[in-house]
Amino acid sequence: MAKTNFQYEKRQKELEKKKKAEEKARRKLEAKNNPKPADGEEGAEPEADESDADAADDATDVPTQPQ
């Protein structure tokens, strides 16, 4: 009867653990570099450019009327 090669099995388990750890680290780094919006929907709001910001500032300014 043939013996089981425990060293081979152990090495395969170690390689699988290492692969999972690397994948987890990669996902963690991606999440850190690309945070999701708070509501959980990815890309729900387009990024505002300067023209949109200026329009928003103009809308909030209330002109004072002369007395």
PDB file of N, CA and C in Angstrom:
ATOM      1  N   MET A   1       0.842  -1.172   0.000  1.00  0.00           N
ATOM      2  CA  MET A   1       0.000   0.000   0.000  1.00  0.00           C
ATOM      3  C   MET A   1       0.896   1.246   0.000  1.00  0.00           C
ATOM      4  N   ALA A   2       0.514   2.264  -0.794  1.00  0.00           N
ATOM      5  CA  ALA A   2       1.323   3.476  -0.935  1.00  0.00           C
ATOM      6  C   ALA A   2       1.079   4.413   0.250  1.00  0.00           C
ATOM      7  N   LYS A   3       2.134   5.131   0.592  1.00  0.00           N
ATOM      8  CA  LYS A   3       2.036   6.101   1.685  1.00  0.00           C
ATOM      9  C   LYS A   3       1.478   7.422   1.141  1.00  0.00           C
ATOM     10  N   THR A   4       0.787   8.132   1.990  1.00  0.00           N
ATOM     11  CA  THR A   4       0.293   9.461   1.634  1.00  0.00           C
ATOM     12  C   THR A   4       1.452  10.442   1.762  1.00  0.00           C
ATOM     13  N   ASN A   5       1.565  11.331   0.788  1.00  0.00           N
ATOM     14  CA  ASN A   5       2.625  12.332   0.798  1.00  0.00           C
ATOM     15  C   ASN A   5       2.121  13.562   1.561  1.00  0.00           C
ATOM     16  N   PHE A   6       2.311  13.539   2.880  1.00  0.00           N
ATOM     17  CA  PHE A   6       1.815  14.619   3.714  1.00  0.00           C
ATOM     18  C   PHE A   6       2.521  15.943   3.433  1.00  0.00           C
ATOM     19  N   GLN A   7       3.780  15.885   3.063  1.00  0.00           N
ATOM     20  CA  GLN A   7       4.504  17.121   2.770  1.00  0.00           C
ATOM     21  C   GLN A   7       3.891  17.827   1.565  1.00  0.00           C
ATOM     22  N   TYR A   8       3.491  17.074   0.557  1.00  0.00           N
ATOM     23  CA  TYR A   8       2.857  17.664  -0.614  1.00  0.00           C
ATOM     24  C   TYR A   8       1.536  18.329  -0.222  1.00  0.00           C
ATOM     25  N   GLU A   9       0.724  17.615   0.551  1.00  0.00           N
ATOM     26  CA  GLU A   9      -0.560  18.159   0.977  1.00  0.00           C
ATOM     27  C   GLU A   9      -0.375  19.421   1.817  1.00  0.00           C
ATOM     28  N   LYS A  10       0.595  19.386   2.717  1.00  0.00           N
ATOM     29  CA  LYS A  10       0.859  20.550   3.561  1.00  0.00           C
ATOM     30  C   LYS A  10       1.277  21.734   2.701  1.00  0.00           C
ATOM     31  N   ARG A  11       2.136  21.498   1.732  1.00  0.00           N
ATOM     32  CA  ARG A  11       2.603  22.573   0.856  1.00  0.00           C
ATOM     33  C   ARG A  11       1.442  23.165   0.060  1.00  0.00           C
ATOM     34  N   GLN A  12       0.528  22.324  -0.404  1.00  0.00           N
ATOM     35  CA  GLN A  12      -0.627  22.808  -1.151  1.00  0.00           C
ATOM     36  C   GLN A  12      -1.523  23.680  -0.274  1.00  0.00           C
ATOM     37  N   LYS A  13      -1.695  23.270   0.981  1.00  0.00           N
ATOM     38  CA  LYS A  13      -2.488  24.073   1.911  1.00  0.00           C
ATOM     39  C   LYS A  13      -1.823  25.417   2.170  1.00  0.00           C
ATOM     40  N   GLU A  14      -0.505  25.407   2.337  1.00  0.00           N
ATOM     41  CA  GLU A  14       0.233  26.649   2.565  1.00  0.00           C
ATOM     42  C   GLU A  14       0.110  27.585   1.363  1.00  0.00           C
ATOM     43  N   LEU A  15       0.214  27.029   0.165  1.00  0.00           N
ATOM     44  CA  LEU A  15       0.092  27.846  -1.040  1.00  0.00           C
ATOM     45  C   LEU A  15      -1.315  28.437  -1.160  1.00  0.00           C
ATOM     46  N   GLU A  16      -2.323  27.649  -0.807  1.00  0.00           N
ATOM     47  CA  GLU A  16      -3.696  28.134  -0.862  1.00  0.00           C
ATOM     48  C   GLU A  16      -3.917  29.260   0.148  1.00  0.00           C
ATOM     49  N   LYS A  17      -3.368  29.104   1.357  1.00  0.00           N
ATOM     50  CA  LYS A  17      -3.479  30.152   2.376  1.00  0.00           C
ATOM     51  C   LYS A  17      -2.809  31.432   1.903  1.00  0.00           C
ATOM     52  N   LYS A  18      -1.616  31.282   1.318  1.00  0.00           N
ATOM     53  CA  LYS A  18      -0.871  32.442   0.832  1.00  0.00           C
ATOM     54  C   LYS A  18      -1.647  33.155  -0.272  1.00  0.00           C
ATOM     55  N   LYS A  19      -2.241  32.390  -1.171  1.00  0.00           N
ATOM     56  CA  LYS A  19      -3.015  32.959  -2.266  1.00  0.00           C
ATOM     57  C   LYS A  19      -4.220  33.725  -1.724  1.00  0.00           C
ATOM     58  N   LYS A  20      -4.913  33.160  -0.742  1.00  0.00           N
ATOM     59  CA  LYS A  20      -6.065  33.830  -0.146  1.00  0.00           C
ATOM     60  C   LYS A  20      -5.648  35.118   0.562  1.00  0.00           C
ATOM     61  N   ALA A  21      -4.532  35.068   1.270  1.00  0.00           N
ATOM     62  CA  ALA A  21      -4.041  36.249   1.987  1.00  0.00           C
ATOM     63  C   ALA A  21      -3.678  37.362   1.006  1.00  0.00           C
ATOM     64  N   GLU A  22      -3.041  37.016  -0.107  1.00  0.00           N
ATOM     65  CA  GLU A  22      -2.691  38.007  -1.111  1.00  0.00           C
ATOM     66  C   GLU A  22      -3.941  38.613  -1.745  1.00  0.00           C
ATOM     67  N   GLU A  23      -4.935  37.780  -2.020  1.00  0.00           N
ATOM     68  CA  GLU A  23      -6.183  38.263  -2.599  1.00  0.00           C
ATOM     69  C   GLU A  23      -6.884  39.208  -1.627  1.00  0.00           C
ATOM     70  N   LYS A  24      -6.896  38.847  -0.359  1.00  0.00           N
ATOM     71  CA  LYS A  24      -7.528  39.697   0.658  1.00  0.00           C
ATOM     72  C   LYS A  24      -6.803  41.037   0.759  1.00  0.00           C
ATOM     73  N   ALA A  25      -5.479  41.000   0.752  1.00  0.00           N
ATOM     74  CA  ALA A  25      -4.691  42.233   0.836  1.00  0.00           C
ATOM     75  C   ALA A  25      -4.945  43.109  -0.387  1.00  0.00           C
ATOM     76  N   ARG A  26      -5.067  42.486  -1.553  1.00  0.00           N
ATOM     77  CA  ARG A  26      -5.337  43.228  -2.789  1.00  0.00           C
ATOM     78  C   ARG A  26      -6.711  43.892  -2.724  1.00  0.00           C
ATOM     79  N   ARG A  27      -7.736  43.157  -2.264  1.00  0.00           N
ATOM     80  CA  ARG A  27      -9.074  43.721  -2.148  1.00  0.00           C
ATOM     81  C   ARG A  27      -9.111  44.850  -1.128  1.00  0.00           C
ATOM     82  N   LYS A  28      -8.392  44.675  -0.044  1.00  0.00           N
ATOM     83  CA  LYS A  28      -8.343  45.689   1.002  1.00  0.00           C
ATOM     84  C   LYS A  28      -7.699  46.969   0.467  1.00  0.00           C
ATOM     85  N   LEU A  29      -6.621  46.818  -0.294  1.00  0.00           N
ATOM     86  CA  LEU A  29      -5.938  47.963  -0.879  1.00  0.00           C
ATOM     87  C   LEU A  29      -6.839  48.671  -1.893  1.00  0.00           C
ATOM     88  N   GLU A  30      -7.557  47.894  -2.700  1.00  0.00           N
ATOM     89  CA  GLU A  30      -8.484  48.478  -3.669  1.00  0.00           C
ATOM     90  C   GLU A  30      -9.573  49.265  -2.962  1.00  0.00           C
ATOM     91  N   ALA A  31     -10.112  48.702  -1.892  1.00  0.00           N
ATOM     92  CA  ALA A  31     -11.169  49.377  -1.143  1.00  0.00           C
ATOM     93  C   ALA A  31     -10.645  50.661  -0.524  1.00  0.00           C
ATOM     94  N   LYS A  32      -9.404  50.648  -0.086  1.00  0.00           N
ATOM     95  CA  LYS A  32      -8.815  51.840   0.514  1.00  0.00           C
ATOM     96  C   LYS A  32      -8.615  52.929  -0.540  1.00  0.00           C
ATOM     97  N   ASN A  33      -8.182  52.547  -1.719  1.00  0.00           N
ATOM     98  CA  ASN A  33      -7.913  53.508  -2.788  1.00  0.00           C
ATOM     99  C   ASN A  33      -9.178  53.977  -3.486  1.00  0.00           C
ATOM    100  N   ASN A  34     -10.221  53.155  -3.512  1.00  0.00           N
ATOM    101  CA  ASN A  34     -11.471  53.487  -4.200  1.00  0.00           C
ATOM    102  C   ASN A  34     -12.641  53.279  -3.247  1.00  0.00           C
ATOM    103  N   PRO A  35     -12.853  54.184  -2.295  1.00  0.00           N
ATOM    104  CA  PRO A  35     -13.947  53.984  -1.344  1.00  0.00           C
ATOM    105  C   PRO A  35     -15.306  54.071  -2.033  1.00  0.00           C
ATOM    106  N   LYS A  36     -16.247  53.251  -1.578  1.00  0.00           N
ATOM    107  CA  LYS A  36     -17.591  53.253  -2.139  1.00  0.00           C
ATOM    108  C   LYS A  36     -18.387  54.390  -1.516  1.00  0.00           C
ATOM    109  N   PRO A  37     -19.412  54.879  -2.210  1.00  0.00           N
ATOM    110  CA  PRO A  37     -20.289  55.895  -1.617  1.00  0.00           C
ATOM    111  C   PRO A  37     -20.990  55.341  -0.381  1.00  0.00           C
ATOM    112  N   ALA A  38     -21.437  56.224   0.490  1.00  0.00           N
ATOM    113  CA  ALA A  38     -22.028  55.827   1.759  1.00  0.00           C
ATOM    114  C   ALA A  38     -23.303  55.012   1.577  1.00  0.00           C
ATOM    115  N   ASP A  39     -24.080  55.300   0.522  1.00  0.00           N
ATOM    116  CA  ASP A  39     -25.342  54.594   0.343  1.00  0.00           C
ATOM    117  C   ASP A  39     -25.156  53.204  -0.265  1.00  0.00           C
ATOM    118  N   GLY A  40     -23.955  52.847  -0.638  1.00  0.00           N
ATOM    119  CA  GLY A  40     -23.681  51.508  -1.136  1.00  0.00           C
ATOM    120  C   GLY A  40     -23.826  51.362  -2.636  1.00  0.00           C
ATOM    121  N   GLU A  41     -24.350  52.363  -3.312  1.00  0.00           N
ATOM    122  CA  GLU A  41     -24.481  52.290  -4.763  1.00  0.00           C
ATOM    123  C   GLU A  41     -23.239  52.867  -5.400  1.00  0.00           C
ATOM    124  N   GLU A  42     -22.594  52.055  -6.187  1.00  0.00           N
ATOM    125  CA  GLU A  42     -21.355  52.501  -6.812  1.00  0.00           C
ATOM    126  C   GLU A  42     -21.678  53.412  -7.988  1.00  0.00           C
ATOM    127  N   GLY A  43     -21.062  54.594  -8.000  1.00  0.00           N
ATOM    128  CA  GLY A  43     -21.240  55.519  -9.112  1.00  0.00           C
ATOM    129  C   GLY A  43     -22.609  56.173  -9.127  1.00  0.00           C
ATOM    130  N   ALA A  44     -23.258  56.322  -8.002  1.00  0.00           N
ATOM    131  CA  ALA A  44     -24.588  56.907  -7.956  1.00  0.00           C
ATOM    132  C   ALA A  44     -24.558  58.391  -8.315  1.00  0.00           C
ATOM    133  N   GLU A  45     -23.540  59.101  -7.862  1.00  0.00           N
ATOM    134  CA  GLU A  45     -23.444  60.524  -8.143  1.00  0.00           C
ATOM    135  C   GLU A  45     -22.231  60.802  -9.022  1.00  0.00           C
ATOM    136  N   PRO A  46     -22.433  61.502 -10.134  1.00  0.00           N
ATOM    137  CA  PRO A  46     -21.264  61.869 -10.936  1.00  0.00           C
ATOM    138  C   PRO A  46     -20.463  62.937 -10.214  1.00  0.00           C
ATOM    139  N   GLU A  47     -19.194  62.954 -10.484  1.00  0.00           N
ATOM    140  CA  GLU A  47     -18.332  63.939  -9.846  1.00  0.00           C
ATOM    141  C   GLU A  47     -18.645  65.325 -10.411  1.00  0.00           C
ATOM    142  N   ALA A  48     -18.704  66.299  -9.527  1.00  0.00           N
ATOM    143  CA  ALA A  48     -19.025  67.666  -9.938  1.00  0.00           C
ATOM    144  C   ALA A  48     -17.758  68.365 -10.411  1.00  0.00           C
ATOM    145  N   ASP A  49     -17.885  69.085 -11.511  1.00  0.00           N
ATOM    146  CA  ASP A  49     -16.751  69.864 -11.972  1.00  0.00           C
ATOM    147  C   ASP A  49     -16.926  71.306 -11.497  1.00  0.00           C
ATOM    148  N   GLU A  50     -16.015  72.170 -11.825  1.00  0.00           N
ATOM    149  CA  GLU A  50     -16.023  73.534 -11.307  1.00  0.00           C
ATOM    150  C   GLU A  50     -17.264  74.313 -11.736  1.00  0.00           C
ATOM    151  N   SER A  51     -17.775  74.101 -12.947  1.00  0.00           N
ATOM    152  CA  SER A  51     -18.938  74.850 -13.406  1.00  0.00           C
ATOM    153  C   SER A  51     -20.165  74.514 -12.568  1.00  0.00           C
ATOM    154  N   ASP A  52     -20.313  73.250 -12.168  1.00  0.00           N
ATOM    155  CA  ASP A  52     -21.424  72.866 -11.308  1.00  0.00           C
ATOM    156  C   ASP A  52     -21.286  73.498  -9.929  1.00  0.00           C
ATOM    157  N   ALA A  53     -20.083  73.568  -9.411  1.00  0.00           N
ATOM    158  CA  ALA A  53     -19.844  74.152  -8.097  1.00  0.00           C
ATOM    159  C   ALA A  53     -20.160  75.647  -8.125  1.00  0.00           C
ATOM    160  N   ASP A  54     -19.788  76.331  -9.209  1.00  0.00           N
ATOM    161  CA  ASP A  54     -20.074  77.760  -9.331  1.00  0.00           C
ATOM    162  C   ASP A  54     -21.580  77.996  -9.413  1.00  0.00           C
ATOM    163  N   ALA A  55     -22.296  77.159 -10.133  1.00  0.00           N
ATOM    164  CA  ALA A  55     -23.744  77.294 -10.261  1.00  0.00           C
ATOM    165  C   ALA A  55     -24.407  77.081  -8.900  1.00  0.00           C
ATOM    166  N   ALA A  56     -23.924  76.140  -8.131  1.00  0.00           N
ATOM    167  CA  ALA A  56     -24.481  75.884  -6.810  1.00  0.00           C
ATOM    168  C   ALA A  56     -24.223  77.059  -5.882  1.00  0.00           C
ATOM    169  N   ASP A  57     -23.043  77.672  -5.972  1.00  0.00           N
ATOM    170  CA  ASP A  57     -22.726  78.835  -5.144  1.00  0.00           C
ATOM    171  C   ASP A  57     -23.625  80.015  -5.503  1.00  0.00           C
ATOM    172  N   ASP A  58     -23.899  80.215  -6.789  1.00  0.00           N
ATOM    173  CA  ASP A  58     -24.757  81.318  -7.224  1.00  0.00           C
ATOM    174  C   ASP A  58     -26.178  81.124  -6.719  1.00  0.00           C
ATOM    175  N   ALA A  59     -26.661  79.893  -6.674  1.00  0.00           N
ATOM    176  CA  ALA A  59     -28.014  79.614  -6.242  1.00  0.00           C
ATOM    177  C   ALA A  59     -28.177  79.875  -4.743  1.00  0.00           C
ATOM    178  N   THR A  60     -27.140  79.698  -3.974  1.00  0.00           N
ATOM    179  CA  THR A  60     -27.239  79.907  -2.530  1.00  0.00           C
ATOM    180  C   THR A  60     -27.066  81.352  -2.135  1.00  0.00           C
ATOM    181  N   ASP A  61     -26.481  82.168  -2.999  1.00  0.00           N
ATOM    182  CA  ASP A  61     -26.306  83.593  -2.686  1.00  0.00           C
ATOM    183  C   ASP A  61     -27.640  84.312  -2.871  1.00  0.00           C
ATOM    184  N   VAL A  62     -28.084  84.962  -1.823  1.00  0.00           N
ATOM    185  CA  VAL A  62     -29.335  85.707  -1.898  1.00  0.00           C
ATOM    186  C   VAL A  62     -28.982  87.175  -2.097  1.00  0.00           C
ATOM    187  N   PRO A  63     -29.411  87.758  -3.202  1.00  0.00           N
ATOM    188  CA  PRO A  63     -29.092  89.172  -3.433  1.00  0.00           C
ATOM    189  C   PRO A  63     -29.820  90.047  -2.421  1.00  0.00           C
ATOM    190  N   THR A  64     -29.137  91.033  -1.932  1.00  0.00           N
ATOM    191  CA  THR A  64     -29.755  91.943  -0.973  1.00  0.00           C
ATOM    192  C   THR A  64     -30.471  93.042  -1.762  1.00  0.00           C
ATOM    193  N   GLN A  65     -31.632  93.381  -1.314  1.00  0.00           N
ATOM    194  CA  GLN A  65     -32.400  94.416  -1.988  1.00  0.00           C
ATOM    195  C   GLN A  65     -32.133  95.756  -1.328  1.00  0.00           C
ATOM    196  N   PRO A  66     -31.992  96.809  -2.117  1.00  0.00           N
ATOM    197  CA  PRO A  66     -31.775  98.127  -1.511  1.00  0.00           C
ATOM    198  C   PRO A  66     -33.028  98.570  -0.764  1.00  0.00           C
ATOM    199  N   GLN A  67     -32.826  99.276   0.312  1.00  0.00           N
ATOM    200  CA  GLN A  67     -33.972  99.715   1.131  1.00  0.00           C
ATOM    201  C   GLN A  67     -34.313 101.125   0.845  1.00  0.00           C
TER     202      GLN A  67
END
